[in-house]
Amino acid sequence: RAKGLIEVEGERLIQRSLRVLREAGVDELVVVTG
């Protein structure tokens, strides 16, 4: 199964990862899929 689509506390892990990176001040974001 796609780990990124697992929901934790109502939020998919892919969105959760991107959110905390943005909140920490990361300027450019890349997601590698397969």
PDB file of all heavy atoms in Angstrom:
ATOM      1  N   ARG A   1       0.847  -1.197   0.000  1.00  0.00           N
ATOM      2  CA  ARG A   1       0.000   0.000   0.000  1.00  0.00           C
ATOM      3  C   ARG A   1       0.875   1.235   0.000  1.00  0.00           C
ATOM      4  O   ARG A   1       2.032   1.193   0.413  1.00  0.00           O
ATOM      5  CB  ARG A   1      -0.936   0.025   1.210  1.00  0.00           C
ATOM      6  CG  ARG A   1      -0.251   0.091   2.544  1.00  0.00           C
ATOM      7  CD  ARG A   1      -1.246   0.029   3.699  1.00  0.00           C
ATOM      8  NE  ARG A   1      -2.200   1.132   3.683  1.00  0.00           N
ATOM      9  CZ  ARG A   1      -3.177   1.275   4.576  1.00  0.00           C
ATOM     10  NH1 ARG A   1      -3.330   0.372   5.536  1.00  0.00           N
ATOM     11  NH2 ARG A   1      -4.008   2.295   4.508  1.00  0.00           N
ATOM     12  N   ALA A   2       0.310   2.326  -0.476  1.00  0.00           N
ATOM     13  CA  ALA A   2       1.045   3.585  -0.543  1.00  0.00           C
ATOM     14  C   ALA A   2       1.123   4.206   0.842  1.00  0.00           C
ATOM     15  O   ALA A   2       0.109   4.652   1.385  1.00  0.00           O
ATOM     16  CB  ALA A   2       0.354   4.533  -1.513  1.00  0.00           C
ATOM     17  N   LYS A   3       2.323   4.259   1.412  1.00  0.00           N
ATOM     18  CA  LYS A   3       2.462   4.835   2.747  1.00  0.00           C
ATOM     19  C   LYS A   3       2.023   6.290   2.773  1.00  0.00           C
ATOM     20  O   LYS A   3       1.462   6.771   3.764  1.00  0.00           O
ATOM     21  CB  LYS A   3       3.908   4.720   3.217  1.00  0.00           C
ATOM     22  CG  LYS A   3       4.369   3.308   3.526  1.00  0.00           C
ATOM     23  CD  LYS A   3       5.793   3.327   4.068  1.00  0.00           C
ATOM     24  CE  LYS A   3       6.274   1.946   4.447  1.00  0.00           C
ATOM     25  NZ  LYS A   3       7.642   1.978   5.014  1.00  0.00           N
ATOM     26  N   GLY A   4       2.287   7.011   1.704  1.00  0.00           N
ATOM     27  CA  GLY A   4       1.944   8.420   1.668  1.00  0.00           C
ATOM     28  C   GLY A   4       0.465   8.706   1.784  1.00  0.00           C
ATOM     29  O   GLY A   4       0.065   9.818   2.145  1.00  0.00           O
ATOM     30  N   LEU A   5      -0.371   7.717   1.487  1.00  0.00           N
ATOM     31  CA  LEU A   5      -1.821   7.907   1.550  1.00  0.00           C
ATOM     32  C   LEU A   5      -2.430   7.458   2.878  1.00  0.00           C
ATOM     33  O   LEU A   5      -3.629   7.611   3.095  1.00  0.00           O
ATOM     34  CB  LEU A   5      -2.497   7.161   0.394  1.00  0.00           C
ATOM     35  CG  LEU A   5      -2.067   7.609  -1.010  1.00  0.00           C
ATOM     36  CD1 LEU A   5      -2.829   6.837  -2.063  1.00  0.00           C
ATOM     37  CD2 LEU A   5      -2.265   9.114  -1.204  1.00  0.00           C
ATOM     38  N   ILE A   6      -1.610   6.893   3.755  1.00  0.00           N
ATOM     39  CA  ILE A   6      -2.090   6.525   5.085  1.00  0.00           C
ATOM     40  C   ILE A   6      -2.476   7.783   5.844  1.00  0.00           C
ATOM     41  O   ILE A   6      -1.745   8.783   5.827  1.00  0.00           O
ATOM     42  CB  ILE A   6      -1.014   5.747   5.858  1.00  0.00           C
ATOM     43  CG1 ILE A   6      -0.749   4.389   5.193  1.00  0.00           C
ATOM     44  CG2 ILE A   6      -1.409   5.549   7.328  1.00  0.00           C
ATOM     45  CD1 ILE A   6       0.448   3.658   5.753  1.00  0.00           C
ATOM     46  N   GLU A   7      -3.621   7.753   6.506  1.00  0.00           N
ATOM     47  CA  GLU A   7      -4.074   8.911   7.269  1.00  0.00           C
ATOM     48  C   GLU A   7      -3.758   8.732   8.753  1.00  0.00           C
ATOM     49  O   GLU A   7      -4.056   7.697   9.336  1.00  0.00           O
ATOM     50  CB  GLU A   7      -5.578   9.139   7.088  1.00  0.00           C
ATOM     51  CG  GLU A   7      -5.946   9.693   5.728  1.00  0.00           C
ATOM     52  CD  GLU A   7      -7.355  10.253   5.687  1.00  0.00           C
ATOM     53  OE1 GLU A   7      -7.989  10.390   6.759  1.00  0.00           O
ATOM     54  OE2 GLU A   7      -7.824  10.555   4.577  1.00  0.00           O
ATOM     55  N   VAL A   8      -3.157   9.761   9.323  1.00  0.00           N
ATOM     56  CA  VAL A   8      -2.895   9.825  10.760  1.00  0.00           C
ATOM     57  C   VAL A   8      -3.489  11.124  11.270  1.00  0.00           C
ATOM     58  O   VAL A   8      -3.154  12.205  10.760  1.00  0.00           O
ATOM     59  CB  VAL A   8      -1.381   9.769  11.057  1.00  0.00           C
ATOM     60  CG1 VAL A   8      -1.109  10.056  12.533  1.00  0.00           C
ATOM     61  CG2 VAL A   8      -0.807   8.417  10.672  1.00  0.00           C
ATOM     62  N   GLU A   9      -4.375  11.024  12.227  1.00  0.00           N
ATOM     63  CA  GLU A   9      -5.049  12.195  12.791  1.00  0.00           C
ATOM     64  C   GLU A   9      -5.704  13.029  11.695  1.00  0.00           C
ATOM     65  O   GLU A   9      -5.644  14.264  11.695  1.00  0.00           O
ATOM     66  CB  GLU A   9      -4.060  13.037  13.609  1.00  0.00           C
ATOM     67  CG  GLU A   9      -3.485  12.270  14.795  1.00  0.00           C
ATOM     68  CD  GLU A   9      -2.411  13.053  15.540  1.00  0.00           C
ATOM     69  OE1 GLU A   9      -1.996  14.113  15.028  1.00  0.00           O
ATOM     70  OE2 GLU A   9      -2.002  12.593  16.617  1.00  0.00           O
ATOM     71  N   GLY A  10      -6.321  12.332  10.727  1.00  0.00           N
ATOM     72  CA  GLY A  10      -7.068  12.996   9.668  1.00  0.00           C
ATOM     73  C   GLY A  10      -6.234  13.616   8.574  1.00  0.00           C
ATOM     74  O   GLY A  10      -6.758  14.358   7.730  1.00  0.00           O
ATOM     75  N   GLU A  11      -4.945  13.314   8.523  1.00  0.00           N
ATOM     76  CA  GLU A  11      -4.049  13.921   7.538  1.00  0.00           C
ATOM     77  C   GLU A  11      -3.214  12.831   6.870  1.00  0.00           C
ATOM     78  O   GLU A  11      -2.603  12.003   7.550  1.00  0.00           O
ATOM     79  CB  GLU A  11      -3.146  14.936   8.232  1.00  0.00           C
ATOM     80  CG  GLU A  11      -2.282  15.761   7.311  1.00  0.00           C
ATOM     81  CD  GLU A  11      -1.468  16.799   8.073  1.00  0.00           C
ATOM     82  OE1 GLU A  11      -1.142  16.555   9.268  1.00  0.00           O
ATOM     83  OE2 GLU A  11      -1.161  17.848   7.493  1.00  0.00           O
ATOM     84  N   ARG A  12      -3.195  12.835   5.544  1.00  0.00           N
ATOM     85  CA  ARG A  12      -2.371  11.865   4.837  1.00  0.00           C
ATOM     86  C   ARG A  12      -0.892  12.128   5.113  1.00  0.00           C
ATOM     87  O   ARG A  12      -0.471  13.278   5.244  1.00  0.00           O
ATOM     88  CB  ARG A  12      -2.645  11.948   3.334  1.00  0.00           C
ATOM     89  CG  ARG A  12      -3.989  11.366   2.924  1.00  0.00           C
ATOM     90  CD  ARG A  12      -4.235  11.599   1.450  1.00  0.00           C
ATOM     91  NE  ARG A  12      -5.388  10.837   0.972  1.00  0.00           N
ATOM     92  CZ  ARG A  12      -5.879  10.936  -0.247  1.00  0.00           C
ATOM     93  NH1 ARG A  12      -5.328  11.770  -1.117  1.00  0.00           N
ATOM     94  NH2 ARG A  12      -6.919  10.215  -0.610  1.00  0.00           N
ATOM     95  N   LEU A  13      -0.108  11.056   5.158  1.00  0.00           N
ATOM     96  CA  LEU A  13       1.299  11.203   5.492  1.00  0.00           C
ATOM     97  C   LEU A  13       2.043  12.069   4.482  1.00  0.00           C
ATOM     98  O   LEU A  13       2.973  12.788   4.851  1.00  0.00           O
ATOM     99  CB  LEU A  13       1.968   9.834   5.602  1.00  0.00           C
ATOM    100  CG  LEU A  13       1.569   8.978   6.809  1.00  0.00           C
ATOM    101  CD1 LEU A  13       2.391   7.691   6.827  1.00  0.00           C
ATOM    102  CD2 LEU A  13       1.759   9.734   8.116  1.00  0.00           C
ATOM    103  N   ILE A  14       1.661  12.024   3.208  1.00  0.00           N
ATOM    104  CA  ILE A  14       2.344  12.853   2.217  1.00  0.00           C
ATOM    105  C   ILE A  14       2.117  14.328   2.512  1.00  0.00           C
ATOM    106  O   ILE A  14       3.044  15.145   2.462  1.00  0.00           O
ATOM    107  CB  ILE A  14       1.906  12.481   0.780  1.00  0.00           C
ATOM    108  CG1 ILE A  14       2.769  13.211  -0.237  1.00  0.00           C
ATOM    109  CG2 ILE A  14       0.440  12.745   0.543  1.00  0.00           C
ATOM    110  CD1 ILE A  14       4.198  12.780  -0.267  1.00  0.00           C
ATOM    111  N   GLN A  15       0.866  14.690   2.850  1.00  0.00           N
ATOM    112  CA  GLN A  15       0.590  16.097   3.188  1.00  0.00           C
ATOM    113  C   GLN A  15       1.227  16.488   4.518  1.00  0.00           C
ATOM    114  O   GLN A  15       1.709  17.614   4.682  1.00  0.00           O
ATOM    115  CB  GLN A  15      -0.921  16.344   3.238  1.00  0.00           C
ATOM    116  CG  GLN A  15      -1.531  16.658   1.884  1.00  0.00           C
ATOM    117  CD  GLN A  15      -2.273  15.476   1.281  1.00  0.00           C
ATOM    118  OE1 GLN A  15      -2.534  14.496   1.970  1.00  0.00           O
ATOM    119  NE2 GLN A  15      -2.622  15.565   0.016  1.00  0.00           N
ATOM    120  N   ARG A  16       1.241  15.552   5.441  1.00  0.00           N
ATOM    121  CA  ARG A  16       1.843  15.815   6.751  1.00  0.00           C
ATOM    122  C   ARG A  16       3.334  16.112   6.600  1.00  0.00           C
ATOM    123  O   ARG A  16       3.867  17.052   7.210  1.00  0.00           O
ATOM    124  CB  ARG A  16       1.625  14.585   7.634  1.00  0.00           C
ATOM    125  CG  ARG A  16       1.874  14.778   9.131  1.00  0.00           C
ATOM    126  CD  ARG A  16       1.606  13.473   9.857  1.00  0.00           C
ATOM    127  NE  ARG A  16       1.679  13.613  11.283  1.00  0.00           N
ATOM    128  CZ  ARG A  16       0.649  13.852  12.076  1.00  0.00           C
ATOM    129  NH1 ARG A  16      -0.559  14.006  11.544  1.00  0.00           N
ATOM    130  NH2 ARG A  16       0.804  13.956  13.380  1.00  0.00           N
ATOM    131  N   SER A  17       4.030  15.324   5.791  1.00  0.00           N
ATOM    132  CA  SER A  17       5.469  15.525   5.565  1.00  0.00           C
ATOM    133  C   SER A  17       5.737  16.889   4.942  1.00  0.00           C
ATOM    134  O   SER A  17       6.633  17.627   5.378  1.00  0.00           O
ATOM    135  CB  SER A  17       6.014  14.425   4.654  1.00  0.00           C
ATOM    136  OG  SER A  17       5.857  13.153   5.236  1.00  0.00           O
ATOM    137  N   LEU A  18       4.966  17.236   3.930  1.00  0.00           N
ATOM    138  CA  LEU A  18       5.154  18.520   3.261  1.00  0.00           C
ATOM    139  C   LEU A  18       4.838  19.679   4.194  1.00  0.00           C
ATOM    140  O   LEU A  18       5.521  20.712   4.176  1.00  0.00           O
ATOM    141  CB  LEU A  18       4.283  18.587   2.008  1.00  0.00           C
ATOM    142  CG  LEU A  18       4.668  17.602   0.895  1.00  0.00           C
ATOM    143  CD1 LEU A  18       3.601  17.593  -0.190  1.00  0.00           C
ATOM    144  CD2 LEU A  18       6.024  17.967   0.303  1.00  0.00           C
ATOM    145  N   ARG A  19       3.824  19.510   5.017  1.00  0.00           N
ATOM    146  CA  ARG A  19       3.441  20.588   5.939  1.00  0.00           C
ATOM    147  C   ARG A  19       4.566  20.903   6.920  1.00  0.00           C
ATOM    148  O   ARG A  19       4.920  22.069   7.122  1.00  0.00           O
ATOM    149  CB  ARG A  19       2.167  20.211   6.692  1.00  0.00           C
ATOM    150  CG  ARG A  19       1.790  21.221   7.782  1.00  0.00           C
ATOM    151  CD  ARG A  19       0.478  20.883   8.447  1.00  0.00           C
ATOM    152  NE  ARG A  19       0.463  19.573   9.051  1.00  0.00           N
ATOM    153  CZ  ARG A  19       1.021  19.266  10.215  1.00  0.00           C
ATOM    154  NH1 ARG A  19       1.679  20.187  10.920  1.00  0.00           N
ATOM    155  NH2 ARG A  19       0.936  18.042  10.711  1.00  0.00           N
ATOM    156  N   VAL A  20       5.126  19.866   7.556  1.00  0.00           N
ATOM    157  CA  VAL A  20       6.159  20.148   8.567  1.00  0.00           C
ATOM    158  C   VAL A  20       7.422  20.706   7.916  1.00  0.00           C
ATOM    159  O   VAL A  20       8.118  21.543   8.515  1.00  0.00           O
ATOM    160  CB  VAL A  20       6.470  18.909   9.439  1.00  0.00           C
ATOM    161  CG1 VAL A  20       5.260  18.517  10.264  1.00  0.00           C
ATOM    162  CG2 VAL A  20       6.974  17.743   8.618  1.00  0.00           C
ATOM    163  N   LEU A  21       7.725  20.290   6.701  1.00  0.00           N
ATOM    164  CA  LEU A  21       8.870  20.863   5.999  1.00  0.00           C
ATOM    165  C   LEU A  21       8.645  22.348   5.726  1.00  0.00           C
ATOM    166  O   LEU A  21       9.543  23.173   5.945  1.00  0.00           O
ATOM    167  CB  LEU A  21       9.127  20.111   4.691  1.00  0.00           C
ATOM    168  CG  LEU A  21       9.756  18.723   4.832  1.00  0.00           C
ATOM    169  CD1 LEU A  21       9.623  17.941   3.543  1.00  0.00           C
ATOM    170  CD2 LEU A  21      11.229  18.834   5.231  1.00  0.00           C
ATOM    171  N   ARG A  22       7.462  22.691   5.262  1.00  0.00           N
ATOM    172  CA  ARG A  22       7.153  24.106   5.024  1.00  0.00           C
ATOM    173  C   ARG A  22       7.198  24.898   6.331  1.00  0.00           C
ATOM    174  O   ARG A  22       7.741  26.005   6.376  1.00  0.00           O
ATOM    175  CB  ARG A  22       5.778  24.243   4.381  1.00  0.00           C
ATOM    176  CG  ARG A  22       5.719  23.865   2.915  1.00  0.00           C
ATOM    177  CD  ARG A  22       4.449  24.382   2.252  1.00  0.00           C
ATOM    178  NE  ARG A  22       4.408  24.035   0.845  1.00  0.00           N
ATOM    179  CZ  ARG A  22       3.750  22.990   0.341  1.00  0.00           C
ATOM    180  NH1 ARG A  22       3.069  22.196   1.160  1.00  0.00           N
ATOM    181  NH2 ARG A  22       3.764  22.739  -0.954  1.00  0.00           N
ATOM    182  N   GLU A  23       6.613  24.341   7.365  1.00  0.00           N
ATOM    183  CA  GLU A  23       6.580  25.043   8.646  1.00  0.00           C
ATOM    184  C   GLU A  23       7.980  25.279   9.204  1.00  0.00           C
ATOM    185  O   GLU A  23       8.212  26.246   9.939  1.00  0.00           O
ATOM    186  CB  GLU A  23       5.743  24.256   9.654  1.00  0.00           C
ATOM    187  CG  GLU A  23       4.254  24.265   9.351  1.00  0.00           C
ATOM    188  CD  GLU A  23       3.455  23.363  10.283  1.00  0.00           C
ATOM    189  OE1 GLU A  23       4.078  22.613  11.064  1.00  0.00           O
ATOM    190  OE2 GLU A  23       2.211  23.413  10.213  1.00  0.00           O
ATOM    191  N   ALA A  24       8.910  24.414   8.850  1.00  0.00           N
ATOM    192  CA  ALA A  24      10.291  24.556   9.321  1.00  0.00           C
ATOM    193  C   ALA A  24      11.096  25.520   8.462  1.00  0.00           C
ATOM    194  O   ALA A  24      12.266  25.778   8.758  1.00  0.00           O
ATOM    195  CB  ALA A  24      10.974  23.192   9.357  1.00  0.00           C
ATOM    196  N   GLY A  25      10.493  26.038   7.389  1.00  0.00           N
ATOM    197  CA  GLY A  25      11.169  27.035   6.570  1.00  0.00           C
ATOM    198  C   GLY A  25      11.893  26.495   5.359  1.00  0.00           C
ATOM    199  O   GLY A  25      12.726  27.192   4.776  1.00  0.00           O
ATOM    200  N   VAL A  26      11.581  25.261   4.950  1.00  0.00           N
ATOM    201  CA  VAL A  26      12.219  24.696   3.757  1.00  0.00           C
ATOM    202  C   VAL A  26      11.694  25.420   2.518  1.00  0.00           C
ATOM    203  O   VAL A  26      10.493  25.643   2.374  1.00  0.00           O
ATOM    204  CB  VAL A  26      11.957  23.182   3.672  1.00  0.00           C
ATOM    205  CG1 VAL A  26      12.484  22.609   2.368  1.00  0.00           C
ATOM    206  CG2 VAL A  26      12.604  22.476   4.865  1.00  0.00           C
ATOM    207  N   ASP A  27      12.601  25.795   1.624  1.00  0.00           N
ATOM    208  CA  ASP A  27      12.265  26.676   0.500  1.00  0.00           C
ATOM    209  C   ASP A  27      11.767  25.938  -0.739  1.00  0.00           C
ATOM    210  O   ASP A  27      10.858  26.413  -1.424  1.00  0.00           O
ATOM    211  CB  ASP A  27      13.490  27.504   0.122  1.00  0.00           C
ATOM    212  CG  ASP A  27      13.971  28.363   1.271  1.00  0.00           C
ATOM    213  OD1 ASP A  27      13.384  29.425   1.506  1.00  0.00           O
ATOM    214  OD2 ASP A  27      14.939  27.948   1.956  1.00  0.00           O
ATOM    215  N   GLU A  28      12.380  24.830  -1.079  1.00  0.00           N
ATOM    216  CA  GLU A  28      11.990  24.054  -2.251  1.00  0.00           C
ATOM    217  C   GLU A  28      11.608  22.654  -1.811  1.00  0.00           C
ATOM    218  O   GLU A  28      12.284  22.064  -0.964  1.00  0.00           O
ATOM    219  CB  GLU A  28      13.137  23.957  -3.267  1.00  0.00           C
ATOM    220  CG  GLU A  28      13.532  25.266  -3.903  1.00  0.00           C
ATOM    221  CD  GLU A  28      14.621  25.071  -4.963  1.00  0.00           C
ATOM    222  OE1 GLU A  28      14.748  23.940  -5.497  1.00  0.00           O
ATOM    223  OE2 GLU A  28      15.338  26.036  -5.245  1.00  0.00           O
ATOM    224  N   LEU A  29      10.553  22.119  -2.409  1.00  0.00           N
ATOM    225  CA  LEU A  29      10.071  20.792  -2.035  1.00  0.00           C
ATOM    226  C   LEU A  29       9.973  19.891  -3.260  1.00  0.00           C
ATOM    227  O   LEU A  29       9.417  20.279  -4.289  1.00  0.00           O
ATOM    228  CB  LEU A  29       8.701  20.896  -1.361  1.00  0.00           C
ATOM    229  CG  LEU A  29       8.679  21.585   0.007  1.00  0.00           C
ATOM    230  CD1 LEU A  29       7.249  21.814   0.468  1.00  0.00           C
ATOM    231  CD2 LEU A  29       9.446  20.767   1.030  1.00  0.00           C
ATOM    232  N   VAL A  30      10.508  18.690  -3.107  1.00  0.00           N
ATOM    233  CA  VAL A  30      10.450  17.669  -4.147  1.00  0.00           C
ATOM    234  C   VAL A  30       9.895  16.397  -3.539  1.00  0.00           C
ATOM    235  O   VAL A  30      10.301  16.006  -2.437  1.00  0.00           O
ATOM    236  CB  VAL A  30      11.852  17.388  -4.743  1.00  0.00           C
ATOM    237  CG1 VAL A  30      11.806  16.206  -5.712  1.00  0.00           C
ATOM    238  CG2 VAL A  30      12.399  18.629  -5.437  1.00  0.00           C
ATOM    239  N   VAL A  31       8.974  15.760  -4.232  1.00  0.00           N
ATOM    240  CA  VAL A  31       8.456  14.456  -3.812  1.00  0.00           C
ATOM    241  C   VAL A  31       8.855  13.427  -4.859  1.00  0.00           C
ATOM    242  O   VAL A  31       8.624  13.635  -6.061  1.00  0.00           O
ATOM    243  CB  VAL A  31       6.921  14.474  -3.662  1.00  0.00           C
ATOM    244  CG1 VAL A  31       6.410  13.070  -3.317  1.00  0.00           C
ATOM    245  CG2 VAL A  31       6.493  15.468  -2.599  1.00  0.00           C
ATOM    246  N   VAL A  32       9.466  12.344  -4.409  1.00  0.00           N
ATOM    247  CA  VAL A  32       9.847  11.257  -5.309  1.00  0.00           C
ATOM    248  C   VAL A  32       8.809  10.152  -5.198  1.00  0.00           C
ATOM    249  O   VAL A  32       8.592   9.599  -4.112  1.00  0.00           O
ATOM    250  CB  VAL A  32      11.243  10.704  -4.969  1.00  0.00           C
ATOM    251  CG1 VAL A  32      11.637   9.616  -5.976  1.00  0.00           C
ATOM    252  CG2 VAL A  32      12.282  11.814  -4.962  1.00  0.00           C
ATOM    253  N   THR A  33       8.159   9.856  -6.307  1.00  0.00           N
ATOM    254  CA  THR A  33       7.160   8.788  -6.343  1.00  0.00           C
ATOM    255  C   THR A  33       7.658   7.646  -7.231  1.00  0.00           C
ATOM    256  O   THR A  33       8.653   7.782  -7.939  1.00  0.00           O
ATOM    257  CB  THR A  33       5.803   9.303  -6.862  1.00  0.00           C
ATOM    258  OG1 THR A  33       5.969   9.806  -8.202  1.00  0.00           O
ATOM    259  CG2 THR A  33       5.267  10.411  -5.973  1.00  0.00           C
ATOM    260  N   GLY A  34       6.959   6.545  -7.175  1.00  0.00           N
ATOM    261  CA  GLY A  34       7.319   5.380  -7.979  1.00  0.00           C
ATOM    262  C   GLY A  34       6.123   4.464  -8.042  1.00  0.00           C
ATOM    263  O   GLY A  34       5.235   4.618  -8.865  1.00  0.00           O
TER     264      GLY A  34
END
